[in-house]
N, C-alpha and C. Protein backbone atom coordinates (compact mmCIF):
# COMPACT_ATOMS: atom_id res chain seq x y z
N UNK A 1 -14.83 17.29 -3.26
CA UNK A 1 -14.48 16.69 -1.96
C UNK A 1 -15.14 17.50 -0.85
N UNK A 2 -15.92 16.82 0.02
CA UNK A 2 -16.53 17.53 1.13
C UNK A 2 -15.53 17.74 2.26
N UNK A 3 -15.95 18.48 3.28
CA UNK A 3 -15.03 18.83 4.36
C UNK A 3 -14.54 17.60 5.11
N UNK A 4 -15.44 16.63 5.32
CA UNK A 4 -15.04 15.42 6.04
C UNK A 4 -13.98 14.64 5.26
N UNK A 5 -14.21 14.47 3.96
CA UNK A 5 -13.23 13.78 3.12
C UNK A 5 -11.88 14.47 3.18
N UNK A 6 -11.91 15.79 3.04
CA UNK A 6 -10.66 16.54 3.05
C UNK A 6 -9.91 16.38 4.36
N UNK A 7 -10.65 16.42 5.46
CA UNK A 7 -10.01 16.29 6.77
C UNK A 7 -9.40 14.90 6.95
N UNK A 8 -10.16 13.86 6.56
CA UNK A 8 -9.65 12.50 6.71
C UNK A 8 -8.48 12.24 5.77
N UNK A 9 -8.56 12.74 4.54
CA UNK A 9 -7.47 12.56 3.58
C UNK A 9 -6.19 13.21 4.10
N UNK A 10 -6.31 14.39 4.69
CA UNK A 10 -5.14 15.07 5.25
C UNK A 10 -4.58 14.28 6.43
N UNK A 11 -5.49 13.75 7.25
CA UNK A 11 -5.04 12.95 8.40
C UNK A 11 -4.32 11.69 7.95
N UNK A 12 -4.83 11.05 6.89
CA UNK A 12 -4.17 9.85 6.36
C UNK A 12 -2.75 10.18 5.95
N UNK A 13 -2.57 11.28 5.26
CA UNK A 13 -1.23 11.69 4.83
C UNK A 13 -0.30 11.88 6.02
N UNK A 14 -0.81 12.52 7.05
CA UNK A 14 0.00 12.77 8.25
C UNK A 14 0.35 11.48 8.95
N UNK A 15 -0.67 10.59 9.13
CA UNK A 15 -0.42 9.33 9.84
C UNK A 15 0.49 8.39 9.05
N UNK A 16 0.45 8.45 7.73
CA UNK A 16 1.39 7.64 6.94
C UNK A 16 2.83 8.04 7.27
N UNK A 17 3.05 9.33 7.32
CA UNK A 17 4.40 9.82 7.60
C UNK A 17 4.82 9.44 9.02
N UNK A 18 3.92 9.63 9.96
CA UNK A 18 4.25 9.32 11.36
C UNK A 18 4.46 7.82 11.56
N UNK A 19 3.67 6.99 10.86
CA UNK A 19 3.78 5.55 11.02
C UNK A 19 5.12 5.02 10.52
N UNK A 20 5.71 5.70 9.56
CA UNK A 20 7.04 5.31 9.08
C UNK A 20 8.09 5.51 10.17
N UNK A 21 7.84 6.49 11.03
CA UNK A 21 8.78 6.80 12.11
C UNK A 21 8.49 5.97 13.36
N UNK A 22 7.21 5.69 13.62
CA UNK A 22 6.82 4.95 14.82
C UNK A 22 5.55 4.16 14.52
N UNK A 23 5.73 2.96 13.98
CA UNK A 23 4.58 2.13 13.57
C UNK A 23 3.71 1.75 14.75
N UNK A 24 4.32 1.45 15.88
CA UNK A 24 3.54 1.02 17.04
C UNK A 24 2.55 2.09 17.47
N UNK A 25 2.98 3.32 17.45
CA UNK A 25 2.12 4.40 17.91
C UNK A 25 1.09 4.84 16.88
N UNK A 26 1.46 4.78 15.60
CA UNK A 26 0.60 5.45 14.60
C UNK A 26 -0.09 4.55 13.58
N UNK A 27 0.31 3.27 13.47
CA UNK A 27 -0.41 2.40 12.53
C UNK A 27 -1.88 2.24 12.91
N UNK A 28 -2.21 2.08 14.21
CA UNK A 28 -3.64 1.99 14.55
C UNK A 28 -4.42 3.23 14.12
N UNK A 29 -3.83 4.40 14.28
CA UNK A 29 -4.51 5.62 13.87
C UNK A 29 -4.66 5.68 12.35
N UNK A 30 -3.66 5.19 11.63
CA UNK A 30 -3.74 5.17 10.18
C UNK A 30 -4.86 4.23 9.73
N UNK A 31 -4.94 3.06 10.34
CA UNK A 31 -6.00 2.10 9.97
C UNK A 31 -7.38 2.68 10.22
N UNK A 32 -7.57 3.29 11.38
CA UNK A 32 -8.86 3.87 11.72
C UNK A 32 -9.22 5.01 10.78
N UNK A 33 -8.24 5.86 10.47
CA UNK A 33 -8.52 7.02 9.62
C UNK A 33 -8.82 6.60 8.19
N UNK A 34 -8.16 5.55 7.71
CA UNK A 34 -8.48 5.02 6.38
C UNK A 34 -9.91 4.51 6.33
N UNK A 35 -10.32 3.83 7.40
CA UNK A 35 -11.71 3.35 7.46
C UNK A 35 -12.67 4.53 7.48
N UNK A 36 -12.34 5.54 8.27
CA UNK A 36 -13.18 6.75 8.31
C UNK A 36 -13.24 7.42 6.94
N UNK A 37 -12.10 7.45 6.25
CA UNK A 37 -12.06 8.05 4.93
C UNK A 37 -12.97 7.30 3.96
N UNK A 38 -12.92 5.97 4.00
CA UNK A 38 -13.78 5.18 3.13
C UNK A 38 -15.24 5.46 3.39
N UNK A 39 -15.61 5.56 4.66
CA UNK A 39 -17.00 5.85 5.00
C UNK A 39 -17.39 7.28 4.66
N UNK A 40 -16.42 8.18 4.67
CA UNK A 40 -16.75 9.59 4.41
C UNK A 40 -17.12 9.84 2.95
N UNK A 41 -16.64 8.98 2.06
CA UNK A 41 -16.99 9.17 0.65
C UNK A 41 -18.50 9.08 0.47
N UNK A 42 -19.09 8.07 1.11
CA UNK A 42 -20.54 7.97 1.18
C UNK A 42 -21.26 7.97 -0.15
N UNK A 43 -20.62 7.59 -1.22
CA UNK A 43 -21.27 7.61 -2.52
C UNK A 43 -20.93 6.35 -3.30
N UNK A 44 -21.96 5.73 -3.86
CA UNK A 44 -21.74 4.54 -4.68
C UNK A 44 -21.02 4.89 -5.99
N UNK A 45 -20.90 6.18 -6.29
CA UNK A 45 -20.25 6.59 -7.52
C UNK A 45 -18.72 6.62 -7.39
N UNK A 46 -18.21 6.34 -6.19
CA UNK A 46 -16.76 6.36 -5.99
C UNK A 46 -16.29 5.05 -5.38
N UNK A 47 -16.72 3.92 -5.95
CA UNK A 47 -16.43 2.62 -5.33
C UNK A 47 -14.95 2.28 -5.29
N UNK A 48 -14.17 2.69 -6.30
CA UNK A 48 -12.76 2.34 -6.31
C UNK A 48 -12.01 3.00 -5.16
N UNK A 49 -12.32 4.27 -4.90
CA UNK A 49 -11.65 4.97 -3.80
C UNK A 49 -12.08 4.42 -2.45
N UNK A 50 -13.38 4.10 -2.34
CA UNK A 50 -13.88 3.52 -1.09
C UNK A 50 -13.21 2.17 -0.84
N UNK A 51 -13.17 1.34 -1.87
CA UNK A 51 -12.58 0.01 -1.73
C UNK A 51 -11.10 0.10 -1.37
N UNK A 52 -10.39 1.02 -2.01
CA UNK A 52 -8.96 1.17 -1.72
C UNK A 52 -8.72 1.55 -0.27
N UNK A 53 -9.53 2.47 0.25
CA UNK A 53 -9.36 2.90 1.64
C UNK A 53 -9.67 1.76 2.61
N UNK A 54 -10.78 1.06 2.37
CA UNK A 54 -11.14 -0.05 3.25
C UNK A 54 -10.12 -1.19 3.18
N UNK A 55 -9.65 -1.49 1.97
CA UNK A 55 -8.71 -2.60 1.80
C UNK A 55 -7.39 -2.32 2.51
N UNK A 56 -6.90 -1.10 2.40
CA UNK A 56 -5.66 -0.76 3.10
C UNK A 56 -5.87 -0.79 4.61
N UNK A 57 -7.01 -0.27 5.05
CA UNK A 57 -7.33 -0.31 6.48
C UNK A 57 -7.36 -1.75 6.98
N UNK A 58 -8.00 -2.63 6.21
CA UNK A 58 -8.10 -4.04 6.61
C UNK A 58 -6.73 -4.69 6.68
N UNK A 59 -5.88 -4.41 5.72
CA UNK A 59 -4.53 -4.98 5.72
C UNK A 59 -3.77 -4.58 6.98
N UNK A 60 -3.90 -3.33 7.37
CA UNK A 60 -3.20 -2.86 8.57
C UNK A 60 -3.81 -3.49 9.82
N UNK A 61 -5.15 -3.53 9.89
CA UNK A 61 -5.78 -4.13 11.07
C UNK A 61 -5.42 -5.61 11.21
N UNK A 62 -5.34 -6.33 10.09
CA UNK A 62 -4.95 -7.75 10.18
C UNK A 62 -3.54 -7.86 10.75
N UNK A 63 -2.66 -7.03 10.30
CA UNK A 63 -1.27 -7.03 10.81
C UNK A 63 -1.25 -6.72 12.30
N UNK A 64 -2.02 -5.72 12.71
CA UNK A 64 -2.05 -5.35 14.13
C UNK A 64 -2.66 -6.46 14.98
N UNK A 65 -3.70 -7.11 14.46
CA UNK A 65 -4.39 -8.15 15.23
C UNK A 65 -3.53 -9.38 15.47
N UNK A 66 -2.56 -9.61 14.60
CA UNK A 66 -1.65 -10.74 14.81
C UNK A 66 -0.81 -10.55 16.06
N UNK A 67 -0.56 -9.30 16.40
CA UNK A 67 0.27 -8.99 17.56
C UNK A 67 -0.56 -8.60 18.78
N UNK A 68 -1.79 -8.12 18.53
CA UNK A 68 -2.63 -7.67 19.63
C UNK A 68 -4.09 -7.96 19.28
N UNK A 69 -4.69 -8.92 19.99
CA UNK A 69 -6.06 -9.36 19.68
C UNK A 69 -7.08 -8.24 19.83
N UNK A 70 -6.72 -7.16 20.51
CA UNK A 70 -7.67 -6.05 20.68
C UNK A 70 -8.07 -5.44 19.35
N UNK A 71 -7.26 -5.65 18.32
CA UNK A 71 -7.57 -5.07 17.01
C UNK A 71 -8.47 -5.95 16.15
N UNK A 72 -8.92 -7.08 16.71
CA UNK A 72 -9.87 -7.91 15.96
C UNK A 72 -11.15 -7.15 15.65
N UNK A 73 -11.55 -6.26 16.54
CA UNK A 73 -12.76 -5.49 16.28
C UNK A 73 -12.60 -4.60 15.06
N UNK A 74 -11.39 -4.06 14.87
CA UNK A 74 -11.12 -3.27 13.67
C UNK A 74 -11.19 -4.11 12.41
N UNK A 75 -10.66 -5.33 12.49
CA UNK A 75 -10.75 -6.26 11.37
C UNK A 75 -12.22 -6.52 11.03
N UNK A 76 -13.00 -6.83 12.06
CA UNK A 76 -14.42 -7.16 11.85
C UNK A 76 -15.18 -5.98 11.26
N UNK A 77 -14.95 -4.80 11.79
CA UNK A 77 -15.67 -3.62 11.32
C UNK A 77 -15.35 -3.33 9.85
N UNK A 78 -14.06 -3.44 9.50
CA UNK A 78 -13.66 -3.11 8.13
C UNK A 78 -14.12 -4.19 7.16
N UNK A 79 -14.11 -5.44 7.57
CA UNK A 79 -14.67 -6.52 6.75
C UNK A 79 -16.15 -6.26 6.46
N UNK A 80 -16.87 -5.82 7.49
CA UNK A 80 -18.29 -5.53 7.32
C UNK A 80 -18.50 -4.38 6.34
N UNK A 81 -17.67 -3.34 6.47
CA UNK A 81 -17.78 -2.20 5.55
C UNK A 81 -17.51 -2.64 4.10
N UNK A 82 -16.50 -3.48 3.92
CA UNK A 82 -16.21 -3.99 2.58
C UNK A 82 -17.35 -4.86 2.07
N UNK A 83 -17.90 -5.68 2.97
CA UNK A 83 -19.02 -6.52 2.58
C UNK A 83 -20.21 -5.72 2.09
N UNK A 84 -20.51 -4.63 2.79
CA UNK A 84 -21.62 -3.77 2.38
C UNK A 84 -21.33 -3.08 1.05
N UNK A 85 -20.08 -2.66 0.87
CA UNK A 85 -19.69 -2.05 -0.41
C UNK A 85 -19.88 -3.03 -1.55
N UNK A 86 -19.39 -4.25 -1.37
CA UNK A 86 -19.51 -5.26 -2.42
C UNK A 86 -20.96 -5.63 -2.68
N UNK A 87 -21.76 -5.69 -1.62
CA UNK A 87 -23.19 -6.01 -1.82
C UNK A 87 -23.85 -4.93 -2.66
N UNK A 88 -23.56 -3.69 -2.35
CA UNK A 88 -24.14 -2.58 -3.11
C UNK A 88 -23.68 -2.58 -4.56
N UNK A 89 -22.49 -3.14 -4.80
CA UNK A 89 -21.97 -3.22 -6.17
C UNK A 89 -22.33 -4.54 -6.85
N UNK A 90 -23.18 -5.34 -6.18
CA UNK A 90 -23.64 -6.63 -6.70
C UNK A 90 -22.51 -7.64 -6.85
N UNK A 91 -21.46 -7.47 -6.09
CA UNK A 91 -20.38 -8.45 -6.04
C UNK A 91 -20.67 -9.38 -4.85
N UNK A 92 -21.70 -10.19 -5.02
CA UNK A 92 -22.30 -10.89 -3.88
C UNK A 92 -21.39 -11.95 -3.28
N UNK A 93 -20.63 -12.67 -4.09
CA UNK A 93 -19.74 -13.69 -3.54
C UNK A 93 -18.66 -13.07 -2.66
N UNK A 94 -18.09 -11.96 -3.12
CA UNK A 94 -17.08 -11.27 -2.32
C UNK A 94 -17.71 -10.68 -1.06
N UNK A 95 -18.91 -10.16 -1.19
CA UNK A 95 -19.61 -9.60 -0.03
C UNK A 95 -19.87 -10.67 1.01
N UNK A 96 -20.35 -11.83 0.56
CA UNK A 96 -20.64 -12.91 1.50
C UNK A 96 -19.40 -13.34 2.26
N UNK A 97 -18.27 -13.48 1.55
CA UNK A 97 -17.03 -13.91 2.21
C UNK A 97 -16.61 -12.93 3.29
N UNK A 98 -16.69 -11.64 3.00
CA UNK A 98 -16.29 -10.63 3.99
C UNK A 98 -17.23 -10.63 5.19
N UNK A 99 -18.53 -10.72 4.93
CA UNK A 99 -19.50 -10.67 6.02
C UNK A 99 -19.43 -11.92 6.89
N UNK A 100 -19.21 -13.08 6.30
CA UNK A 100 -19.10 -14.31 7.09
C UNK A 100 -17.88 -14.25 7.99
N UNK A 101 -16.77 -13.75 7.45
CA UNK A 101 -15.57 -13.62 8.29
C UNK A 101 -15.79 -12.61 9.41
N UNK A 102 -16.44 -11.50 9.08
CA UNK A 102 -16.75 -10.50 10.09
C UNK A 102 -17.64 -11.09 11.18
N UNK A 103 -18.65 -11.85 10.77
CA UNK A 103 -19.57 -12.46 11.73
C UNK A 103 -18.85 -13.41 12.68
N UNK A 104 -17.93 -14.21 12.15
CA UNK A 104 -17.20 -15.14 12.99
C UNK A 104 -16.39 -14.40 14.05
N UNK A 105 -15.75 -13.32 13.66
CA UNK A 105 -14.97 -12.53 14.62
C UNK A 105 -15.90 -11.89 15.66
N UNK A 106 -17.02 -11.33 15.19
CA UNK A 106 -17.96 -10.70 16.12
C UNK A 106 -18.53 -11.70 17.12
N UNK A 107 -18.80 -12.91 16.66
CA UNK A 107 -19.30 -13.95 17.59
C UNK A 107 -18.26 -14.22 18.67
N UNK A 108 -17.00 -14.35 18.28
CA UNK A 108 -15.94 -14.61 19.26
C UNK A 108 -15.82 -13.44 20.25
N UNK A 109 -15.88 -12.22 19.73
CA UNK A 109 -15.78 -11.06 20.60
C UNK A 109 -16.95 -10.99 21.57
N UNK A 110 -18.15 -11.34 21.08
CA UNK A 110 -19.35 -11.28 21.93
C UNK A 110 -19.31 -12.31 23.05
N UNK A 111 -18.60 -13.41 22.83
CA UNK A 111 -18.45 -14.40 23.90
C UNK A 111 -17.64 -13.83 25.05
N UNK A 112 -16.73 -12.93 24.71
CA UNK A 112 -15.87 -12.31 25.72
C UNK A 112 -16.50 -11.05 26.30
N UNK A 113 -17.32 -10.38 25.49
CA UNK A 113 -17.89 -9.09 25.90
C UNK A 113 -19.23 -8.90 25.20
N UNK A 114 -20.32 -8.90 25.97
CA UNK A 114 -21.65 -8.78 25.38
C UNK A 114 -21.87 -7.47 24.64
N UNK A 115 -20.99 -6.51 24.83
CA UNK A 115 -21.12 -5.23 24.12
C UNK A 115 -21.02 -5.41 22.61
N UNK A 116 -20.50 -6.55 22.17
CA UNK A 116 -20.36 -6.80 20.73
C UNK A 116 -21.60 -7.48 20.13
N UNK A 117 -22.58 -7.81 20.95
CA UNK A 117 -23.80 -8.43 20.42
C UNK A 117 -24.50 -7.57 19.36
N UNK A 118 -24.57 -6.25 19.52
CA UNK A 118 -25.18 -5.45 18.45
C UNK A 118 -24.47 -5.60 17.11
N UNK A 119 -23.17 -5.82 17.16
CA UNK A 119 -22.42 -6.00 15.92
C UNK A 119 -22.71 -7.37 15.30
N UNK A 120 -22.92 -8.37 16.14
CA UNK A 120 -23.34 -9.68 15.64
C UNK A 120 -24.68 -9.54 14.92
N UNK A 121 -25.60 -8.86 15.57
CA UNK A 121 -26.93 -8.68 14.98
C UNK A 121 -26.86 -7.89 13.68
N UNK A 122 -26.06 -6.84 13.66
CA UNK A 122 -25.94 -6.02 12.46
C UNK A 122 -25.37 -6.79 11.29
N UNK A 123 -24.39 -7.65 11.57
CA UNK A 123 -23.78 -8.43 10.50
C UNK A 123 -24.75 -9.51 10.01
N UNK A 124 -25.50 -10.10 10.91
CA UNK A 124 -26.54 -11.06 10.50
C UNK A 124 -27.58 -10.38 9.62
N UNK A 125 -27.93 -9.16 9.97
CA UNK A 125 -28.90 -8.41 9.17
C UNK A 125 -28.36 -8.15 7.76
N UNK A 126 -27.08 -7.78 7.68
CA UNK A 126 -26.46 -7.56 6.37
C UNK A 126 -26.43 -8.84 5.55
N UNK A 127 -26.13 -9.96 6.20
CA UNK A 127 -26.14 -11.24 5.49
C UNK A 127 -27.53 -11.61 5.02
N UNK A 128 -28.53 -11.33 5.84
CA UNK A 128 -29.91 -11.62 5.43
C UNK A 128 -30.28 -10.83 4.18
N UNK A 129 -29.89 -9.58 4.14
CA UNK A 129 -30.16 -8.75 2.96
C UNK A 129 -29.46 -9.30 1.73
N UNK A 130 -28.21 -9.72 1.92
CA UNK A 130 -27.45 -10.29 0.80
C UNK A 130 -28.11 -11.56 0.28
N UNK A 131 -28.48 -12.45 1.20
CA UNK A 131 -29.10 -13.71 0.78
C UNK A 131 -30.44 -13.47 0.10
N UNK A 132 -31.17 -12.47 0.55
CA UNK A 132 -32.43 -12.13 -0.10
C UNK A 132 -32.19 -11.70 -1.54
N UNK A 133 -31.18 -10.85 -1.74
CA UNK A 133 -30.85 -10.39 -3.09
C UNK A 133 -30.40 -11.55 -3.98
N UNK A 134 -29.74 -12.54 -3.36
CA UNK A 134 -29.24 -13.69 -4.11
C UNK A 134 -30.31 -14.78 -4.26
N UNK A 135 -31.53 -14.53 -3.76
CA UNK A 135 -32.64 -15.48 -3.84
C UNK A 135 -32.35 -16.75 -3.03
N UNK A 136 -31.52 -16.61 -2.02
CA UNK A 136 -31.23 -17.74 -1.12
C UNK A 136 -32.09 -17.54 0.13
N UNK A 137 -33.39 -17.77 -0.05
CA UNK A 137 -34.36 -17.31 0.93
C UNK A 137 -34.30 -18.07 2.25
N UNK A 138 -33.96 -19.33 2.23
CA UNK A 138 -33.87 -20.09 3.48
C UNK A 138 -32.74 -19.55 4.34
N UNK A 139 -31.59 -19.27 3.72
CA UNK A 139 -30.47 -18.71 4.47
C UNK A 139 -30.79 -17.30 4.95
N UNK A 140 -31.52 -16.55 4.13
CA UNK A 140 -31.93 -15.21 4.54
C UNK A 140 -32.81 -15.26 5.77
N UNK A 141 -33.75 -16.19 5.79
CA UNK A 141 -34.65 -16.30 6.93
C UNK A 141 -33.90 -16.73 8.19
N UNK A 142 -32.97 -17.67 8.05
CA UNK A 142 -32.19 -18.13 9.20
C UNK A 142 -31.41 -16.98 9.83
N UNK A 143 -30.76 -16.17 8.97
CA UNK A 143 -30.01 -15.02 9.49
C UNK A 143 -30.94 -14.00 10.13
N UNK A 144 -32.10 -13.77 9.51
CA UNK A 144 -33.07 -12.80 10.05
C UNK A 144 -33.58 -13.21 11.42
N UNK A 145 -33.88 -14.49 11.56
CA UNK A 145 -34.42 -14.98 12.83
C UNK A 145 -33.40 -14.83 13.95
N UNK A 146 -32.14 -15.17 13.67
CA UNK A 146 -31.11 -15.01 14.71
C UNK A 146 -30.91 -13.54 15.04
N UNK A 147 -30.92 -12.69 14.01
CA UNK A 147 -30.80 -11.25 14.24
C UNK A 147 -31.93 -10.75 15.13
N UNK A 148 -33.16 -11.17 14.83
CA UNK A 148 -34.31 -10.77 15.64
C UNK A 148 -34.17 -11.23 17.09
N UNK A 149 -33.71 -12.45 17.28
CA UNK A 149 -33.56 -13.00 18.63
C UNK A 149 -32.61 -12.14 19.44
N UNK A 150 -31.48 -11.78 18.84
CA UNK A 150 -30.49 -10.96 19.55
C UNK A 150 -31.05 -9.57 19.82
N UNK A 151 -31.68 -8.96 18.83
CA UNK A 151 -32.18 -7.60 19.00
C UNK A 151 -33.33 -7.54 20.00
N UNK A 152 -34.12 -8.58 20.09
CA UNK A 152 -35.17 -8.60 21.12
C UNK A 152 -34.57 -8.61 22.51
N UNK A 153 -33.50 -9.35 22.69
CA UNK A 153 -32.83 -9.36 23.99
C UNK A 153 -32.20 -8.01 24.30
N UNK A 154 -31.63 -7.39 23.29
CA UNK A 154 -31.02 -6.06 23.48
C UNK A 154 -32.08 -5.03 23.86
N UNK A 155 -33.25 -5.13 23.24
CA UNK A 155 -34.33 -4.19 23.54
C UNK A 155 -34.83 -4.36 24.98
N UNK A 156 -34.83 -5.58 25.47
CA UNK A 156 -35.24 -5.80 26.86
C UNK A 156 -34.34 -5.04 27.82
N UNK A 157 -33.05 -4.98 27.48
CA UNK A 157 -32.08 -4.31 28.35
C UNK A 157 -32.05 -2.80 28.12
N UNK A 158 -32.27 -2.39 26.86
CA UNK A 158 -32.16 -0.96 26.55
C UNK A 158 -33.07 -0.63 25.36
N UNK A 159 -34.35 -0.45 25.62
CA UNK A 159 -35.30 -0.23 24.53
C UNK A 159 -35.07 1.06 23.75
N UNK A 160 -34.59 2.09 24.40
CA UNK A 160 -34.38 3.36 23.71
C UNK A 160 -33.26 3.26 22.68
N UNK A 161 -32.18 2.59 23.05
CA UNK A 161 -31.03 2.48 22.16
C UNK A 161 -31.27 1.52 21.00
N UNK A 162 -31.95 0.40 21.28
CA UNK A 162 -32.03 -0.66 20.28
C UNK A 162 -33.42 -0.87 19.68
N UNK A 163 -34.40 -0.08 20.12
CA UNK A 163 -35.75 -0.27 19.62
C UNK A 163 -35.88 -0.09 18.12
N UNK A 164 -35.23 0.94 17.58
CA UNK A 164 -35.35 1.18 16.15
C UNK A 164 -34.69 0.09 15.32
N UNK A 165 -33.56 -0.43 15.81
CA UNK A 165 -32.91 -1.53 15.08
C UNK A 165 -33.84 -2.75 15.00
N UNK A 166 -34.49 -3.07 16.11
CA UNK A 166 -35.42 -4.19 16.11
C UNK A 166 -36.60 -3.91 15.20
N UNK A 167 -37.13 -2.69 15.26
CA UNK A 167 -38.27 -2.34 14.42
C UNK A 167 -37.92 -2.49 12.93
N UNK A 168 -36.74 -2.06 12.54
CA UNK A 168 -36.33 -2.19 11.14
C UNK A 168 -36.24 -3.66 10.73
N UNK A 169 -35.71 -4.49 11.62
CA UNK A 169 -35.61 -5.92 11.32
C UNK A 169 -37.01 -6.54 11.17
N UNK A 170 -37.89 -6.16 12.04
CA UNK A 170 -39.26 -6.69 11.98
C UNK A 170 -39.95 -6.27 10.68
N UNK A 171 -39.80 -5.01 10.32
CA UNK A 171 -40.42 -4.52 9.09
C UNK A 171 -39.81 -5.17 7.85
N UNK A 172 -38.51 -5.44 7.92
CA UNK A 172 -37.86 -6.13 6.79
C UNK A 172 -38.44 -7.52 6.59
N UNK A 173 -38.73 -8.19 7.69
CA UNK A 173 -39.34 -9.52 7.58
C UNK A 173 -40.74 -9.43 7.00
N UNK A 174 -41.47 -8.40 7.37
CA UNK A 174 -42.82 -8.23 6.82
C UNK A 174 -42.73 -7.96 5.32
N UNK A 175 -41.80 -7.09 4.93
CA UNK A 175 -41.64 -6.75 3.51
C UNK A 175 -41.25 -7.99 2.70
N UNK A 176 -40.40 -8.84 3.30
CA UNK A 176 -40.01 -10.08 2.61
C UNK A 176 -41.20 -11.00 2.43
N UNK A 177 -42.20 -10.87 3.30
CA UNK A 177 -43.47 -11.57 3.20
C UNK A 177 -43.30 -13.08 3.03
N UNK A 178 -42.58 -13.68 3.97
CA UNK A 178 -42.42 -15.13 3.95
C UNK A 178 -43.32 -15.81 4.97
N UNK A 179 -44.14 -15.01 5.66
CA UNK A 179 -45.01 -15.53 6.71
C UNK A 179 -46.47 -15.46 6.26
N UNK A 180 -47.36 -15.96 7.12
CA UNK A 180 -48.79 -15.79 6.87
C UNK A 180 -49.16 -14.35 7.18
N UNK A 181 -50.33 -13.92 6.74
CA UNK A 181 -50.77 -12.56 7.04
C UNK A 181 -50.85 -12.32 8.54
N UNK A 182 -51.32 -13.32 9.28
CA UNK A 182 -51.41 -13.16 10.73
C UNK A 182 -50.03 -12.99 11.35
N UNK A 183 -49.06 -13.74 10.85
CA UNK A 183 -47.70 -13.61 11.38
C UNK A 183 -47.10 -12.25 11.00
N UNK A 184 -47.35 -11.82 9.76
CA UNK A 184 -46.87 -10.50 9.34
C UNK A 184 -47.49 -9.40 10.19
N UNK A 185 -48.76 -9.56 10.51
CA UNK A 185 -49.45 -8.58 11.34
C UNK A 185 -48.82 -8.51 12.73
N UNK A 186 -48.50 -9.68 13.30
CA UNK A 186 -47.89 -9.71 14.63
C UNK A 186 -46.52 -9.02 14.60
N UNK A 187 -45.75 -9.24 13.53
CA UNK A 187 -44.45 -8.58 13.41
C UNK A 187 -44.60 -7.07 13.30
N UNK A 188 -45.58 -6.63 12.51
CA UNK A 188 -45.82 -5.19 12.35
C UNK A 188 -46.27 -4.56 13.67
N UNK A 189 -47.13 -5.25 14.40
CA UNK A 189 -47.57 -4.74 15.70
C UNK A 189 -46.40 -4.60 16.66
N UNK A 190 -45.50 -5.60 16.64
CA UNK A 190 -44.31 -5.53 17.50
C UNK A 190 -43.43 -4.35 17.10
N UNK A 191 -43.29 -4.12 15.79
CA UNK A 191 -42.49 -3.00 15.31
C UNK A 191 -43.04 -1.67 15.82
N UNK A 192 -44.36 -1.52 15.83
CA UNK A 192 -44.98 -0.31 16.35
C UNK A 192 -44.65 -0.14 17.83
N UNK A 193 -44.67 -1.23 18.58
CA UNK A 193 -44.42 -1.15 20.02
C UNK A 193 -42.99 -0.75 20.35
N UNK A 194 -42.03 -1.22 19.55
CA UNK A 194 -40.63 -1.02 19.93
C UNK A 194 -39.98 0.18 19.25
N UNK A 195 -40.56 0.67 18.16
CA UNK A 195 -39.95 1.79 17.43
C UNK A 195 -39.86 3.02 18.34
N UNK A 196 -38.76 3.74 18.19
CA UNK A 196 -38.51 4.91 19.03
C UNK A 196 -38.64 6.20 18.22
N UNK A 197 -37.96 6.27 17.10
CA UNK A 197 -38.00 7.47 16.27
C UNK A 197 -39.37 7.70 15.67
N UNK A 198 -39.75 8.98 15.56
CA UNK A 198 -41.10 9.30 15.09
C UNK A 198 -41.33 8.85 13.65
N UNK A 199 -40.33 9.00 12.80
CA UNK A 199 -40.49 8.60 11.39
C UNK A 199 -40.67 7.10 11.27
N UNK A 200 -39.83 6.34 12.00
CA UNK A 200 -39.93 4.89 11.94
C UNK A 200 -41.23 4.41 12.58
N UNK A 201 -41.67 5.08 13.64
CA UNK A 201 -42.95 4.73 14.26
C UNK A 201 -44.08 4.90 13.27
N UNK A 202 -44.02 5.99 12.49
CA UNK A 202 -45.04 6.21 11.47
C UNK A 202 -45.01 5.16 10.39
N UNK A 203 -43.81 4.76 9.98
CA UNK A 203 -43.67 3.72 8.96
C UNK A 203 -44.23 2.40 9.47
N UNK A 204 -43.92 2.07 10.72
CA UNK A 204 -44.42 0.83 11.31
C UNK A 204 -45.94 0.86 11.43
N UNK A 205 -46.49 2.01 11.80
CA UNK A 205 -47.95 2.12 11.92
C UNK A 205 -48.63 1.94 10.56
N UNK A 206 -48.03 2.49 9.52
CA UNK A 206 -48.59 2.33 8.18
C UNK A 206 -48.54 0.87 7.73
N UNK A 207 -47.42 0.22 8.05
CA UNK A 207 -47.28 -1.20 7.70
C UNK A 207 -48.30 -2.04 8.46
N UNK A 208 -48.48 -1.73 9.73
CA UNK A 208 -49.46 -2.45 10.53
C UNK A 208 -50.85 -2.30 9.94
N UNK A 209 -51.20 -1.08 9.55
CA UNK A 209 -52.52 -0.82 8.99
C UNK A 209 -52.73 -1.63 7.71
N UNK A 210 -51.68 -1.74 6.92
CA UNK A 210 -51.79 -2.43 5.63
C UNK A 210 -51.91 -3.94 5.80
N UNK A 211 -51.07 -4.52 6.67
CA UNK A 211 -51.03 -6.00 6.74
C UNK A 211 -52.05 -6.57 7.72
N UNK A 212 -52.53 -5.75 8.65
CA UNK A 212 -53.44 -6.28 9.67
C UNK A 212 -54.92 -6.09 9.30
N UNK A 213 -55.21 -5.32 8.29
CA UNK A 213 -56.61 -4.99 8.01
C UNK A 213 -57.45 -6.20 7.64
N UNK A 214 -56.79 -7.22 7.06
CA UNK A 214 -57.56 -8.39 6.62
C UNK A 214 -57.21 -9.62 7.42
N UNK A 215 -56.68 -9.38 8.62
CA UNK A 215 -56.23 -10.51 9.45
C UNK A 215 -57.42 -11.41 9.78
């Protein structure tokens, strides 16, 4: 057990006890800490423990959201985490169900507050990856295109914060290679322009060199 796991596990124990005495005050902290604990495991070799933490967190967030809509974001985030876990474990039907529900909540939240648009884009990206793995290429492309549209708008407003996310989406589309070489080249060139981190910039430049040489 690493230090982060140990700290979160101890916090979960404490918040469980406190929540029995005052659910209103401490159930939200218990839900958040369970989600943090699930993410702290960070290893595909411990899927049962990760799933247990996320599932309990989700159950609490659903309960809280029935009484206070502010906790819908917690529901969406934990659904997304479960969806990613299931996708990594090749439980694609369960992953799709969680991600679709998360996306619906994120869309509703984004209508009220544009700050949730990055979460819409991230969930669309996860769905695109899932559909690609499931060989559902038309659905994968539809999700990718919407994700790109949102991330391009985000980059216009804040290129430093969102440039790398857009670059990764662009490179993923090139790797999927569903376009013509000229289209792939244009995507790679855009990735080079928007990438912020030096490592990702280098990856984008290498991709551009490979796909554009015979344009």
